[in-house]
């Protein structure tokens, strides 16, 4: 069998299916979808939702395999060493694919991994517990006096970098407290153990009666929170969001990668997937494959600068 035929075989399932013009089909089969996070989290939630839409479109079962640990290193190494035959894939985030490798000085090791398509994005808001009755001005003053405590979802996450960028702007030394995930960080915020934390829109909506939403790190005003100002509009140069995308091993042929991207584009346009994304407090990324690949390059440059 030729190398080209070996590459194409797993993707027979992505040929046009007779019963629907919007799907790809052919043979049934399984593909492996690695998630760098434990089951039950936001990324895992999106991974299972997109896997189900792929199954509906193609008759291919994309089974999610959770491989948490080491800020995505375990999952990325599995993908890096997988055969470039389309059978092994990964759902990665800005934390696992960009920030953590940059912090460890290993970004060049993982750049051969192929970005296939962006799936969803989550903006962040800076929030304080309502019980503390803090304004953004008060938070800035506390930071300048080195009296501010801020919770993050852990080292190597967007929230950790946003906290450090905020510290640079404030000019004082902020007590940055890393928690083991966004859930524990959110609980610390609600119980007033910390003064502020970066939270996603799903958490903000669910807990808005218990929070003061001070500002957003999004470059534009959020549809769900139109009265919350952007930090950039206040002269505070702190921007960042979390995103999730589909990645394949190095060496996957361009044609095969493009076929998979086409399937994923159709999958993420489904009403079911869009509802899942909205429920998770995210928004679907409206990029094609080339856009997402360019976006990843831009993210590497942007976060590398932010981490200096």
Protein backbone atom coordinates (compact mmCIF):
# COMPACT_ATOMS: atom_id res chain seq x y z
CA UNK A 1 0.00 0.00 0.00
CA UNK A 2 1.34 3.44 -0.85
CA UNK A 3 1.91 6.08 1.82
CA UNK A 4 -0.77 8.25 0.22
CA UNK A 5 -3.32 5.42 0.34
CA UNK A 6 -2.47 4.76 3.98
CA UNK A 7 -3.20 8.39 4.80
CA UNK A 8 -6.51 8.40 2.96
CA UNK A 9 -7.92 5.16 4.35
CA UNK A 10 -9.16 6.43 7.74
CA UNK A 11 -10.93 9.28 6.00
CA UNK A 12 -13.08 7.17 3.69
CA UNK A 13 -15.78 8.06 6.16
CA UNK A 14 -15.58 11.67 5.00
CA UNK A 15 -16.85 11.00 1.49
CA UNK A 16 -20.28 12.45 0.60
CA UNK A 17 -23.11 10.50 2.18
CA UNK A 18 -26.05 9.58 0.00
CA UNK A 19 -28.78 10.41 2.48
CA UNK A 20 -27.70 13.99 3.16
CA UNK A 21 -25.85 16.54 1.03
CA UNK A 22 -24.38 18.24 4.09
CA UNK A 23 -22.46 15.22 5.40
CA UNK A 24 -19.40 13.17 4.54
CA UNK A 25 -19.60 9.42 4.80
CA UNK A 26 -18.54 6.02 3.52
CA UNK A 27 -17.17 3.42 5.88
CA UNK A 28 -17.94 3.47 9.57
CA UNK A 29 -15.00 3.63 11.97
CA UNK A 30 -13.55 5.22 15.08
CA UNK A 31 -11.18 8.10 15.68
CA UNK A 32 -9.54 9.06 18.94
CA UNK A 33 -10.11 12.55 20.34
CA UNK A 34 -7.72 13.37 23.19
CA UNK A 35 -8.84 15.93 25.76
CA UNK A 36 -6.07 17.45 27.94
CA UNK A 37 -8.55 18.01 30.78
CA UNK A 38 -10.51 15.85 33.20
CA UNK A 39 -14.05 14.81 32.31
CA UNK A 40 -16.75 17.32 33.20
CA UNK A 41 -14.91 20.56 32.46
CA UNK A 42 -15.70 23.14 29.79
CA UNK A 43 -13.19 21.84 27.23
CA UNK A 44 -14.37 18.27 27.75
CA UNK A 45 -17.96 19.47 27.36
CA UNK A 46 -17.14 20.99 23.96
CA UNK A 47 -15.09 17.92 22.94
CA UNK A 48 -18.02 15.58 23.50
CA UNK A 49 -20.45 17.91 21.75
CA UNK A 50 -18.34 18.20 18.58
CA UNK A 51 -17.65 14.44 18.63
CA UNK A 52 -21.40 13.79 18.60
CA UNK A 53 -21.94 16.14 15.66
CA UNK A 54 -19.12 14.45 13.72
CA UNK A 55 -20.80 11.09 14.35
CA UNK A 56 -24.13 12.40 13.04
CA UNK A 57 -22.49 13.70 9.88
CA UNK A 58 -20.13 10.85 9.05
CA UNK A 59 -21.00 7.62 10.93
CA UNK A 60 -17.51 7.89 12.44
CA UNK A 61 -17.34 7.62 16.23
CA UNK A 62 -14.91 10.13 17.71
CA UNK A 63 -14.39 8.78 21.21
CA UNK A 64 -13.08 11.24 23.79
CA UNK A 65 -10.08 10.09 25.80
CA UNK A 66 -9.27 12.29 28.80
CA UNK A 67 -5.54 12.71 29.41
CA UNK A 68 -5.22 15.52 31.97
CA UNK A 69 -2.02 16.60 33.64
CA UNK A 70 1.08 18.76 33.29
CA UNK A 71 -0.89 21.65 31.73
CA UNK A 72 -1.56 19.69 28.56
CA UNK A 73 1.93 18.23 28.12
CA UNK A 74 0.77 14.61 28.46
CA UNK A 75 -1.95 15.05 25.83
CA UNK A 76 0.28 17.02 23.46
CA UNK A 77 3.05 14.41 23.63
CA UNK A 78 0.55 11.68 22.76
CA UNK A 79 -0.53 13.67 19.70
CA UNK A 80 3.04 14.56 18.75
CA UNK A 81 3.99 10.88 18.65
CA UNK A 82 0.79 9.62 16.99
CA UNK A 83 0.70 8.36 13.42
CA UNK A 84 -0.30 11.02 10.89
CA UNK A 85 -3.25 8.96 9.66
CA UNK A 86 -6.16 10.97 11.05
CA UNK A 87 -7.06 8.39 13.67
CA UNK A 88 -5.69 10.42 16.60
CA UNK A 89 -6.81 14.01 17.23
CA UNK A 90 -6.78 16.49 20.09
CA UNK A 91 -9.08 19.15 21.48
CA UNK A 92 -6.71 21.84 22.69
CA UNK A 93 -7.04 25.29 24.20
CA UNK A 94 -4.97 28.44 24.31
CA UNK A 95 -3.73 27.22 27.70
CA UNK A 96 -2.48 23.84 26.45
CA UNK A 97 -1.34 24.78 22.95
CA UNK A 98 0.12 28.27 23.46
CA UNK A 99 0.58 29.54 27.01
CA UNK A 100 1.88 26.45 28.79
CA UNK A 101 4.40 25.57 26.03
CA UNK A 102 5.61 29.18 26.01
CA UNK A 103 6.09 29.19 29.77
CA UNK A 104 8.06 25.93 29.60
CA UNK A 105 10.12 27.12 26.63
CA UNK A 106 8.81 24.27 24.47
CA UNK A 107 6.63 26.08 21.93
CA UNK A 108 8.90 25.07 19.00
CA UNK A 109 8.49 21.42 19.99
CA UNK A 110 4.71 21.62 19.55
CA UNK A 111 4.32 23.99 16.58
CA UNK A 112 4.45 21.06 14.08
CA UNK A 113 1.06 19.96 15.48
CA UNK A 114 -1.55 20.83 12.85
CA UNK A 115 -4.31 23.32 13.80
CA UNK A 116 -7.43 22.10 11.97
CA UNK A 117 -10.25 24.36 13.12
CA UNK A 118 -11.20 26.71 15.95
CA UNK A 119 -14.39 25.69 17.71
CA UNK A 120 -15.30 28.14 20.48
CA UNK A 121 -14.09 31.15 22.43
CA UNK A 122 -14.78 32.38 25.97
CA UNK A 123 -14.25 36.00 27.05
CA UNK A 124 -13.26 36.78 30.65
CA UNK A 125 -14.59 39.29 33.13
CA UNK A 126 -12.89 40.68 36.22
CA UNK A 127 -15.29 40.07 39.10
CA UNK A 128 -15.39 40.83 42.81
CA UNK A 129 -17.69 39.26 45.43
CA UNK A 130 -20.69 41.48 46.09
CA UNK A 131 -20.05 41.12 49.81
CA UNK A 132 -16.80 43.07 49.47
CA UNK A 133 -18.52 45.95 47.64
CA UNK A 134 -15.43 46.76 45.56
CA UNK A 135 -15.33 49.08 42.56
CA UNK A 136 -12.66 48.87 39.86
CA UNK A 137 -11.12 52.05 41.24
CA UNK A 138 -10.90 50.45 44.70
CA UNK A 139 -9.36 47.31 43.20
CA UNK A 140 -6.71 49.39 41.41
CA UNK A 141 -5.87 51.26 44.63
CA UNK A 142 -5.53 47.99 46.55
CA UNK A 143 -3.22 46.70 43.85
CA UNK A 144 -1.04 49.81 44.02
CA UNK A 145 -0.73 49.28 47.77
CA UNK A 146 0.09 45.56 47.28
CA UNK A 147 -3.07 44.65 49.18
CA UNK A 148 -4.97 42.84 46.39
CA UNK A 149 -5.63 39.09 46.23
CA UNK A 150 -6.62 37.61 42.87
CA UNK A 151 -7.60 34.00 42.15
CA UNK A 152 -6.57 32.20 38.94
CA UNK A 153 -7.38 28.77 37.52
CA UNK A 154 -3.73 27.76 37.90
CA UNK A 155 -0.30 28.37 36.43
CA UNK A 156 -0.11 28.21 32.65
CA UNK A 157 -3.68 29.40 32.15
CA UNK A 158 -5.11 32.52 30.53
CA UNK A 159 -6.35 33.70 33.92
CA UNK A 160 -2.83 33.48 35.33
CA UNK A 161 -1.37 35.57 32.49
CA UNK A 162 -4.21 38.09 32.73
CA UNK A 163 -3.50 38.45 36.44
CA UNK A 164 0.17 39.15 35.73
CA UNK A 165 -0.70 41.68 33.01
CA UNK A 166 -3.09 43.38 35.42
CA UNK A 167 -0.32 43.49 38.03
CA UNK A 168 1.99 45.21 35.52
CA UNK A 169 -0.63 47.87 34.86
CA UNK A 170 -1.42 48.44 38.53
CA UNK A 171 2.21 48.98 39.44
CA UNK A 172 2.06 47.26 42.81
CA UNK A 173 2.61 43.64 43.78
CA UNK A 174 -0.60 41.59 43.59
CA UNK A 175 -1.00 38.37 45.55
CA UNK A 176 -1.83 35.97 42.70
CA UNK A 177 -3.31 32.75 44.08
CA UNK A 178 -3.38 29.77 41.69
CA UNK A 179 -6.18 27.27 42.22
CA UNK A 180 -6.58 23.85 40.66
CA UNK A 181 -9.04 24.89 37.97
CA UNK A 182 -11.71 27.52 37.42
CA UNK A 183 -14.20 25.79 39.72
CA UNK A 184 -12.13 26.13 42.92
CA UNK A 185 -11.11 29.68 41.91
CA UNK A 186 -14.78 30.59 41.49
CA UNK A 187 -15.65 29.17 44.89
CA UNK A 188 -12.84 31.19 46.49
CA UNK A 189 -14.30 34.30 44.87
CA UNK A 190 -17.88 33.63 45.99
CA UNK A 191 -16.76 32.93 49.55
CA UNK A 192 -14.72 36.19 49.61
CA UNK A 193 -11.44 34.37 50.23
CA UNK A 194 -10.02 36.55 47.44
CA UNK A 195 -10.82 40.08 46.31
CA UNK A 196 -11.19 39.42 42.57
CA UNK A 197 -10.93 36.70 39.96
CA UNK A 198 -11.22 36.28 36.20
CA UNK A 199 -14.47 34.44 35.39
CA UNK A 200 -16.08 33.33 32.15
CA UNK A 201 -19.51 34.52 31.02
CA UNK A 202 -21.30 31.30 32.06
CA UNK A 203 -20.09 31.70 35.65
CA UNK A 204 -20.83 35.44 35.58
CA UNK A 205 -24.41 34.85 34.41
CA UNK A 206 -25.04 32.09 36.93
CA UNK A 207 -23.62 34.05 39.88
CA UNK A 208 -24.32 37.65 38.88
CA UNK A 209 -26.47 38.25 41.98
CA UNK A 210 -23.39 37.51 44.09
CA UNK A 211 -20.80 39.40 42.04
CA UNK A 212 -19.73 42.85 40.99
CA UNK A 213 -18.67 42.58 37.34
CA UNK A 214 -15.98 45.25 37.09
CA UNK A 215 -14.67 44.98 33.51
CA UNK A 216 -13.97 42.56 30.69
CA UNK A 217 -10.69 41.58 29.06
CA UNK A 218 -12.52 41.28 25.74
CA UNK A 219 -11.55 43.92 23.15
CA UNK A 220 -15.26 44.62 22.56
CA UNK A 221 -18.31 44.98 24.80
CA UNK A 222 -19.98 41.67 25.60
CA UNK A 223 -23.47 41.04 24.26
CA UNK A 224 -24.58 39.43 27.55
CA UNK A 225 -23.12 42.25 29.67
CA UNK A 226 -23.42 45.49 27.66
CA UNK A 227 -22.98 47.70 30.73
CA UNK A 228 -19.64 46.12 31.71
CA UNK A 229 -16.78 48.23 30.29
CA UNK A 230 -13.78 46.79 28.48
CA UNK A 231 -10.47 47.30 30.24
CA UNK A 232 -9.03 48.77 27.04
CA UNK A 233 -11.74 51.46 27.00
CA UNK A 234 -10.54 52.46 30.48
CA UNK A 235 -6.94 52.77 29.32
CA UNK A 236 -5.91 49.42 30.82
CA UNK A 237 -4.07 47.34 28.21
CA UNK A 238 -5.13 43.89 29.40
CA UNK A 239 -6.83 41.68 26.81
CA UNK A 240 -7.28 37.95 26.47
CA UNK A 241 -9.78 35.16 26.09
CA UNK A 242 -9.84 31.40 26.17
CA UNK A 243 -10.45 29.37 23.02
CA UNK A 244 -10.78 25.73 22.02
CA UNK A 245 -9.75 24.08 18.74
CA UNK A 246 -9.23 20.74 16.99
CA UNK A 247 -5.63 19.63 16.31
CA UNK A 248 -3.99 16.73 14.41
CA UNK A 249 -0.52 15.14 14.51
CA UNK A 250 2.40 16.56 12.51
CA UNK A 251 2.67 15.31 8.95
CA UNK A 252 -1.03 14.96 8.23
CA UNK A 253 -1.47 15.60 4.48
CA UNK A 254 -2.99 18.97 3.66
CA UNK A 255 -5.82 17.39 1.67
CA UNK A 256 -6.81 15.13 4.56
CA UNK A 257 -6.62 18.00 7.03
CA UNK A 258 -8.82 20.12 4.74
CA UNK A 259 -11.39 17.30 4.51
CA UNK A 260 -11.59 17.09 8.28
CA UNK A 261 -11.87 20.88 8.55
CA UNK A 262 -14.84 20.80 6.17
CA UNK A 263 -16.56 18.19 8.32
CA UNK A 264 -15.92 20.21 11.48
CA UNK A 265 -17.24 23.39 9.84
CA UNK A 266 -20.54 21.62 9.17
CA UNK A 267 -20.56 20.08 12.66
CA UNK A 268 -20.14 23.37 14.49
CA UNK A 269 -22.90 25.01 12.43
CA UNK A 270 -25.47 22.61 13.92
CA UNK A 271 -28.07 24.03 16.28
CA UNK A 272 -27.18 21.42 18.91
CA UNK A 273 -23.50 22.40 18.96
CA UNK A 274 -24.24 26.13 19.00
CA UNK A 275 -26.58 25.58 21.96
CA UNK A 276 -23.87 23.63 23.79
CA UNK A 277 -21.37 26.42 23.18
CA UNK A 278 -23.81 29.05 24.43
CA UNK A 279 -24.65 26.99 27.53
CA UNK A 280 -20.93 26.78 28.28
CA UNK A 281 -20.71 30.59 28.22
CA UNK A 282 -18.75 30.61 24.98
CA UNK A 283 -19.29 31.69 21.40
CA UNK A 284 -18.51 29.75 18.23
CA UNK A 285 -15.39 30.78 16.34
CA UNK A 286 -16.32 31.75 12.77
CA UNK A 287 -12.98 30.89 11.18
CA UNK A 288 -12.02 28.59 8.33
CA UNK A 289 -8.93 26.41 8.55
CA UNK A 290 -6.51 28.99 7.14
CA UNK A 291 -7.95 31.65 9.45
CA UNK A 292 -7.44 29.39 12.47
CA UNK A 293 -3.88 28.53 11.51
CA UNK A 294 -3.05 32.23 11.10
CA UNK A 295 -4.85 32.94 14.38
CA UNK A 296 -2.68 30.37 16.21
CA UNK A 297 0.51 32.01 14.86
CA UNK A 298 -0.78 35.40 16.00
CA UNK A 299 -1.62 33.99 19.44
CA UNK A 300 1.91 32.62 19.86
CA UNK A 301 3.38 36.05 19.09
CA UNK A 302 0.86 37.89 21.28
CA UNK A 303 1.19 35.70 24.36
CA UNK A 304 4.99 35.49 23.98
CA UNK A 305 5.06 39.29 24.27
CA UNK A 306 2.64 39.22 27.21
CA UNK A 307 4.77 36.71 29.10
CA UNK A 308 7.95 38.78 28.88
